[in-house]
Amino acid sequence: MNKSVFCIAQNLEQTESIVSHLSTAGFSNDAISVLFPDKSTTQDFAHEKHTKAPEGTAIGGTVGLGTGAVVGLLAGIGALAIPGVGPLIAAGPIMSALSGAAVGAATGGLAGGLIGLGIPEYEAKRYEGKIKGGSALISVLARTRDEIDKAKDIFEKADAEDISSTEEASI
């Protein structure tokens, strides 16, 4: 069983706390994803040599400086520019999933990319709206019922919003 458990954190401090608790609970950094608006960036992204992201996506040389220590430890942290949403910071498996060429006009921007991850359309549209409003989407890959329950418990104790889980589709 592979499911992703999702929630919305209202700010970076709450995001850091949730990611820290997930890590302490035994979830690997490779299983945790975070997506939030990049409020510190300018229109110019500096390209890094080790980016895996295709066209339309760039990783800023300063990504991680303003993101907080815990989020900065996650795999694949970088910046994305998604049409209609603007600059985002992404980390973990969601980074590679959303940086694919499939995200864009054909799939409807961020909501389309989230739907591609297996998130129901109504949830994806709500998540997109909350991310545009400054909130963060946190996702964790859970392989057992116990891990699903553990992740949901961490999200609930942190007062996260819109907690849900779904069958793993793409990551």
Protein backbone atom coordinates (compact mmCIF):
# COMPACT_ATOMS: atom_id res chain seq x y z
CA MET A 1 0.00 0.00 0.00
CA ASN A 2 1.37 3.39 -0.99
CA LYS A 3 -0.71 6.41 -0.07
CA SER A 4 0.12 10.04 0.26
CA VAL A 5 -1.23 11.93 3.24
CA PHE A 6 -1.70 15.67 2.65
CA CYS A 7 -2.37 18.75 4.73
CA ILE A 8 -2.20 22.53 4.56
CA ALA A 9 0.02 24.47 6.97
CA GLN A 10 -0.78 28.14 7.41
CA ASN A 11 2.80 29.42 7.67
CA LEU A 12 6.46 28.45 7.51
CA GLU A 13 6.77 27.95 11.28
CA GLN A 14 3.90 25.45 11.29
CA THR A 15 5.38 23.78 8.19
CA GLU A 16 8.77 23.42 9.92
CA SER A 17 7.14 21.95 13.01
CA ILE A 18 5.15 19.39 11.01
CA VAL A 19 8.16 18.35 8.90
CA SER A 20 10.27 18.03 12.05
CA HIS A 21 7.64 15.82 13.73
CA LEU A 22 7.31 13.65 10.60
CA SER A 23 11.08 13.19 10.55
CA THR A 24 11.19 12.37 14.27
CA ALA A 25 8.36 9.85 13.75
CA GLY A 26 10.54 7.93 11.31
CA PHE A 27 9.45 9.25 7.90
CA SER A 28 12.48 9.64 5.63
CA ASN A 29 13.30 13.01 4.07
CA ASP A 30 12.71 11.34 0.69
CA ALA A 31 9.09 10.59 1.66
CA ILE A 32 8.21 14.14 2.76
CA SER A 33 7.15 16.84 0.28
CA VAL A 34 6.51 20.52 0.85
CA LEU A 35 5.16 23.12 -1.58
CA PHE A 36 4.74 26.81 -0.73
CA PRO A 37 4.88 30.25 -2.37
CA ASP A 38 8.32 31.79 -2.78
CA LYS A 39 7.79 35.27 -1.38
CA SER A 40 11.49 36.14 -1.32
CA THR A 41 12.28 35.73 -4.98
CA THR A 42 12.60 38.26 -7.72
CA GLN A 43 11.64 37.56 -11.30
CA ASP A 44 15.16 36.30 -11.97
CA PHE A 45 16.02 32.73 -11.05
CA ALA A 46 19.65 31.71 -10.93
CA HIS A 47 20.22 28.32 -12.49
CA GLU A 48 22.14 25.67 -10.57
CA LYS A 49 24.18 23.01 -12.33
CA HIS A 50 22.55 20.05 -10.61
CA THR A 51 18.94 20.85 -11.40
CA LYS A 52 16.84 17.97 -12.69
CA ALA A 53 13.97 20.25 -13.57
CA PRO A 54 13.00 20.65 -17.23
CA GLU A 55 12.24 23.83 -19.12
CA GLY A 56 10.18 26.49 -17.43
CA THR A 57 11.60 25.56 -14.06
CA ALA A 58 14.65 26.96 -12.39
CA ILE A 59 16.36 26.40 -9.09
CA GLY A 60 17.52 29.54 -7.36
CA GLY A 61 20.98 29.68 -5.87
CA THR A 62 19.56 31.11 -2.68
CA VAL A 63 16.73 28.61 -2.27
CA GLY A 64 16.86 27.26 1.24
CA LEU A 65 18.13 30.44 2.89
CA GLY A 66 14.68 31.70 3.76
CA THR A 67 12.95 28.37 3.88
CA GLY A 68 13.95 27.24 7.34
CA ALA A 69 16.42 24.63 8.47
CA VAL A 70 14.16 21.57 8.48
CA VAL A 71 12.56 22.13 5.07
CA GLY A 72 16.01 22.90 3.71
CA LEU A 73 17.08 19.32 4.53
CA LEU A 74 14.47 17.71 2.31
CA ALA A 75 15.45 16.10 -0.98
CA GLY A 76 15.24 18.03 -4.22
CA ILE A 77 14.48 21.49 -2.85
CA GLY A 78 14.14 24.11 -5.53
CA ALA A 79 12.06 26.81 -7.08
CA LEU A 80 9.29 26.31 -9.62
CA ALA A 81 7.44 28.81 -11.74
CA ILE A 82 3.94 27.55 -12.52
CA PRO A 83 1.73 29.55 -14.88
CA GLY A 84 -1.09 31.29 -13.06
CA VAL A 85 0.43 30.62 -9.65
CA GLY A 86 3.88 32.19 -9.80
CA PRO A 87 7.08 31.24 -8.02
CA LEU A 88 6.95 28.34 -5.57
CA ILE A 89 9.42 26.48 -3.40
CA ALA A 90 9.08 22.71 -3.59
CA ALA A 91 10.93 19.91 -1.81
CA GLY A 92 10.73 16.15 -1.88
CA PRO A 93 8.99 13.92 -4.41
CA ILE A 94 6.48 16.66 -5.25
CA MET A 95 9.35 18.69 -6.75
CA SER A 96 10.07 16.22 -9.52
CA ALA A 97 6.39 15.50 -10.09
CA LEU A 98 5.47 19.17 -10.50
CA SER A 99 8.56 20.17 -12.46
CA GLY A 100 7.74 17.79 -15.30
CA ALA A 101 6.75 19.17 -18.65
CA ALA A 102 3.19 17.93 -18.02
CA VAL A 103 2.58 20.80 -15.60
CA GLY A 104 1.43 23.85 -17.49
CA ALA A 105 -1.38 24.98 -19.68
CA ALA A 106 -2.33 21.46 -20.77
CA THR A 107 -3.00 20.25 -17.23
CA GLY A 108 -4.24 23.48 -15.73
CA GLY A 109 -1.20 24.66 -13.80
CA LEU A 110 -0.76 23.66 -10.18
CA ALA A 111 -4.18 22.04 -9.72
CA GLY A 112 -3.54 19.89 -12.80
CA GLY A 113 -0.18 18.82 -11.42
CA LEU A 114 -1.74 17.94 -8.07
CA ILE A 115 -4.48 15.95 -9.80
CA GLY A 116 -1.67 14.09 -11.59
CA LEU A 117 -0.33 13.13 -8.15
CA GLY A 118 -3.64 11.41 -7.39
CA ILE A 119 -5.32 14.23 -5.48
CA PRO A 120 -9.05 14.52 -6.28
CA GLU A 121 -9.85 17.56 -8.42
CA TYR A 122 -11.89 19.38 -5.76
CA GLU A 123 -9.04 18.96 -3.22
CA ALA A 124 -6.41 20.02 -5.79
CA LYS A 125 -8.29 23.24 -6.58
CA ARG A 126 -8.72 24.02 -2.88
CA TYR A 127 -5.00 23.33 -2.24
CA GLU A 128 -4.03 25.57 -5.16
CA GLY A 129 -6.13 28.41 -3.73
CA LYS A 130 -4.58 28.03 -0.27
CA ILE A 131 -1.04 27.89 -1.68
CA LYS A 132 -1.73 31.05 -3.72
CA GLY A 133 -2.90 32.60 -0.45
CA GLY A 134 0.41 31.87 1.25
CA SER A 135 -0.15 28.46 2.86
CA ALA A 136 2.04 25.38 2.39
CA LEU A 137 1.04 21.94 1.12
CA ILE A 138 2.74 19.10 2.99
CA SER A 139 2.63 15.54 1.71
CA VAL A 140 4.15 12.37 3.13
CA LEU A 141 4.36 8.96 1.50
CA ALA A 142 2.93 6.31 3.81
CA ARG A 143 3.45 2.62 3.10
CA THR A 144 1.31 1.11 5.86
CA ARG A 145 -1.97 1.85 7.63
CA ASP A 146 0.08 2.64 10.76
CA GLU A 147 2.13 5.25 8.86
CA ILE A 148 -1.06 6.81 7.44
CA ASP A 149 -2.52 7.09 10.93
CA LYS A 150 0.78 8.43 12.33
CA ALA A 151 0.99 11.14 9.64
CA LYS A 152 -2.65 12.18 10.14
CA ASP A 153 -2.08 12.32 13.91
CA ILE A 154 0.96 14.60 13.45
CA PHE A 155 -1.03 16.86 11.10
CA GLU A 156 -3.98 17.03 13.53
CA LYS A 157 -1.81 17.79 16.57
CA ALA A 158 -0.18 20.64 14.62
CA ASP A 159 -3.62 22.11 13.77
CA ALA A 160 -3.07 21.62 10.03
CA GLU A 161 -6.02 22.12 7.68
CA ASP A 162 -7.53 20.00 4.90
CA ILE A 163 -6.00 16.69 6.00
CA SER A 164 -6.61 13.89 3.50
CA SER A 165 -5.00 10.82 1.99
CA THR A 166 -5.09 9.33 -1.45
CA GLU A 167 -3.74 6.40 -3.43
CA GLU A 168 -0.25 7.17 -4.66
CA ALA A 169 -0.35 7.86 -8.38
CA SER A 170 2.86 9.32 -9.73
CA ILE A 171 5.48 9.72 -7.05
